[in-house]
Amino acid sequence: MNNIVFTDHAYYQMKERKISEKSIIAALNNPDRIKSQTNQRKQLIKLFQRNKRKYFLVVIYEENRQVKKVVTVFVTSKIKKYF
């Protein structure tokens, strides 16, 4: 498996949006959908529930052979937009 690293921006967004590193790693290991944005940058989507409502955890990351670098993360309830 690739190593996972987080940019400073990703850590800032995780703190602001109350998203745990554990949640992101779990999503990277078992995504619901992955879309390519560029050759190396990808958008990962993972469905989850919070307070009985459905949300998506969206993780933007760059991948090469050795590393998955998490660029930013956010949570959205706009399921139709992302799925």
C-alpha atoms as a PDB file:
ATOM      1  CA  MET A   1       0.000   0.000   0.000  1.00  0.00           C
ATOM      2  CA  ASN A   2       1.080   3.556  -0.622  1.00  0.00           C
ATOM      3  CA  ASN A   3       2.163   5.828   2.182  1.00  0.00           C
ATOM      4  CA  ILE A   4      -0.347   8.561   2.973  1.00  0.00           C
ATOM      5  CA  VAL A   5       0.792  12.121   3.632  1.00  0.00           C
ATOM      6  CA  PHE A   6      -1.218  15.276   4.251  1.00  0.00           C
ATOM      7  CA  THR A   7      -0.455  18.791   3.034  1.00  0.00           C
ATOM      8  CA  ASP A   8      -0.611  21.660   5.514  1.00  0.00           C
ATOM      9  CA  HIS A   9      -3.752  22.827   3.719  1.00  0.00           C
ATOM     10  CA  ALA A  10      -5.379  19.400   4.190  1.00  0.00           C
ATOM     11  CA  TYR A  11      -4.570  19.439   7.927  1.00  0.00           C
ATOM     12  CA  TYR A  12      -6.031  22.934   8.210  1.00  0.00           C
ATOM     13  CA  GLN A  13      -9.234  21.886   6.433  1.00  0.00           C
ATOM     14  CA  MET A  14      -9.501  18.727   8.563  1.00  0.00           C
ATOM     15  CA  LYS A  15      -9.311  20.823  11.717  1.00  0.00           C
ATOM     16  CA  GLU A  16     -11.776  23.463  10.462  1.00  0.00           C
ATOM     17  CA  ARG A  17     -14.266  20.856   9.254  1.00  0.00           C
ATOM     18  CA  LYS A  18     -13.792  18.389  12.117  1.00  0.00           C
ATOM     19  CA  ILE A  19     -12.716  15.501   9.875  1.00  0.00           C
ATOM     20  CA  SER A  20     -10.423  12.928  11.447  1.00  0.00           C
ATOM     21  CA  GLU A  21      -7.300  11.512   9.863  1.00  0.00           C
ATOM     22  CA  LYS A  22      -8.725   8.059  10.639  1.00  0.00           C
ATOM     23  CA  SER A  23     -11.844   8.816   8.543  1.00  0.00           C
ATOM     24  CA  ILE A  24      -9.747   9.926   5.596  1.00  0.00           C
ATOM     25  CA  ILE A  25      -7.493   6.877   5.729  1.00  0.00           C
ATOM     26  CA  ALA A  26     -10.562   4.610   5.914  1.00  0.00           C
ATOM     27  CA  ALA A  27     -12.034   6.381   2.857  1.00  0.00           C
ATOM     28  CA  LEU A  28      -8.758   6.041   0.942  1.00  0.00           C
ATOM     29  CA  ASN A  29      -8.743   2.317   1.699  1.00  0.00           C
ATOM     30  CA  ASN A  30     -12.404   1.769   0.778  1.00  0.00           C
ATOM     31  CA  PRO A  31     -13.806   4.546  -1.461  1.00  0.00           C
ATOM     32  CA  ASP A  32     -17.282   4.556  -2.991  1.00  0.00           C
ATOM     33  CA  ARG A  33     -16.093   6.368  -6.096  1.00  0.00           C
ATOM     34  CA  ILE A  34     -12.889   7.813  -7.521  1.00  0.00           C
ATOM     35  CA  LYS A  35     -12.791  10.356 -10.347  1.00  0.00           C
ATOM     36  CA  SER A  36      -9.602  11.465 -12.086  1.00  0.00           C
ATOM     37  CA  GLN A  37      -9.111  15.218 -12.182  1.00  0.00           C
ATOM     38  CA  THR A  38      -5.659  15.214 -13.814  1.00  0.00           C
ATOM     39  CA  ASN A  39      -3.031  12.546 -14.449  1.00  0.00           C
ATOM     40  CA  GLN A  40      -2.041  12.385 -10.790  1.00  0.00           C
ATOM     41  CA  ARG A  41      -4.853  14.239  -8.971  1.00  0.00           C
ATOM     42  CA  LYS A  42      -7.985  12.329  -8.007  1.00  0.00           C
ATOM     43  CA  GLN A  43     -11.269  13.017  -6.231  1.00  0.00           C
ATOM     44  CA  LEU A  44     -12.374  10.318  -3.827  1.00  0.00           C
ATOM     45  CA  ILE A  45     -15.959  10.154  -2.577  1.00  0.00           C
ATOM     46  CA  LYS A  46     -17.144   8.203   0.460  1.00  0.00           C
ATOM     47  CA  LEU A  47     -20.753   8.133   1.653  1.00  0.00           C
ATOM     48  CA  PHE A  48     -21.340   8.267   5.419  1.00  0.00           C
ATOM     49  CA  GLN A  49     -24.030   9.192   7.921  1.00  0.00           C
ATOM     50  CA  ARG A  50     -23.888  11.908  10.562  1.00  0.00           C
ATOM     51  CA  ASN A  51     -26.888  12.658  12.779  1.00  0.00           C
ATOM     52  CA  LYS A  52     -29.094  10.367  10.640  1.00  0.00           C
ATOM     53  CA  ARG A  53     -28.324  12.374   7.470  1.00  0.00           C
ATOM     54  CA  LYS A  54     -26.304  11.191   4.488  1.00  0.00           C
ATOM     55  CA  TYR A  55     -23.157  13.068   3.499  1.00  0.00           C
ATOM     56  CA  PHE A  56     -20.169  12.623   1.265  1.00  0.00           C
ATOM     57  CA  LEU A  57     -16.618  12.864   2.446  1.00  0.00           C
ATOM     58  CA  VAL A  58     -14.664  14.240  -0.511  1.00  0.00           C
ATOM     59  CA  VAL A  59     -10.892  13.807  -0.539  1.00  0.00           C
ATOM     60  CA  ILE A  60      -8.728  15.405  -3.211  1.00  0.00           C
ATOM     61  CA  TYR A  61      -5.365  13.685  -3.445  1.00  0.00           C
ATOM     62  CA  GLU A  62      -2.382  13.156  -5.698  1.00  0.00           C
ATOM     63  CA  GLU A  63      -1.009   9.685  -6.233  1.00  0.00           C
ATOM     64  CA  ASN A  64       2.246   8.262  -7.468  1.00  0.00           C
ATOM     65  CA  ARG A  65       3.760   4.826  -6.919  1.00  0.00           C
ATOM     66  CA  GLN A  66       4.969   5.474  -3.390  1.00  0.00           C
ATOM     67  CA  VAL A  67       2.667   8.133  -1.921  1.00  0.00           C
ATOM     68  CA  LYS A  68      -0.929   9.320  -1.746  1.00  0.00           C
ATOM     69  CA  LYS A  69      -0.744  13.027  -0.875  1.00  0.00           C
ATOM     70  CA  VAL A  70      -4.016  14.416   0.503  1.00  0.00           C
ATOM     71  CA  VAL A  71      -4.432  17.958  -0.824  1.00  0.00           C
ATOM     72  CA  THR A  72      -7.802  18.934   0.678  1.00  0.00           C
ATOM     73  CA  VAL A  73     -10.918  17.414   2.224  1.00  0.00           C
ATOM     74  CA  PHE A  74     -14.519  18.472   2.761  1.00  0.00           C
ATOM     75  CA  VAL A  75     -17.953  17.149   3.633  1.00  0.00           C
ATOM     76  CA  THR A  76     -21.032  17.851   1.521  1.00  0.00           C
ATOM     77  CA  SER A  77     -24.690  16.915   1.547  1.00  0.00           C
ATOM     78  CA  LYS A  78     -25.030  17.586  -2.214  1.00  0.00           C
ATOM     79  CA  ILE A  79     -25.244  13.913  -3.086  1.00  0.00           C
ATOM     80  CA  LYS A  80     -26.683  14.443  -6.600  1.00  0.00           C
ATOM     81  CA  LYS A  81     -23.794  16.747  -7.507  1.00  0.00           C
ATOM     82  CA  TYR A  82     -21.102  14.217  -6.629  1.00  0.00           C
ATOM     83  CA  PHE A  83     -22.696  10.837  -7.301  1.00  0.00           C
END
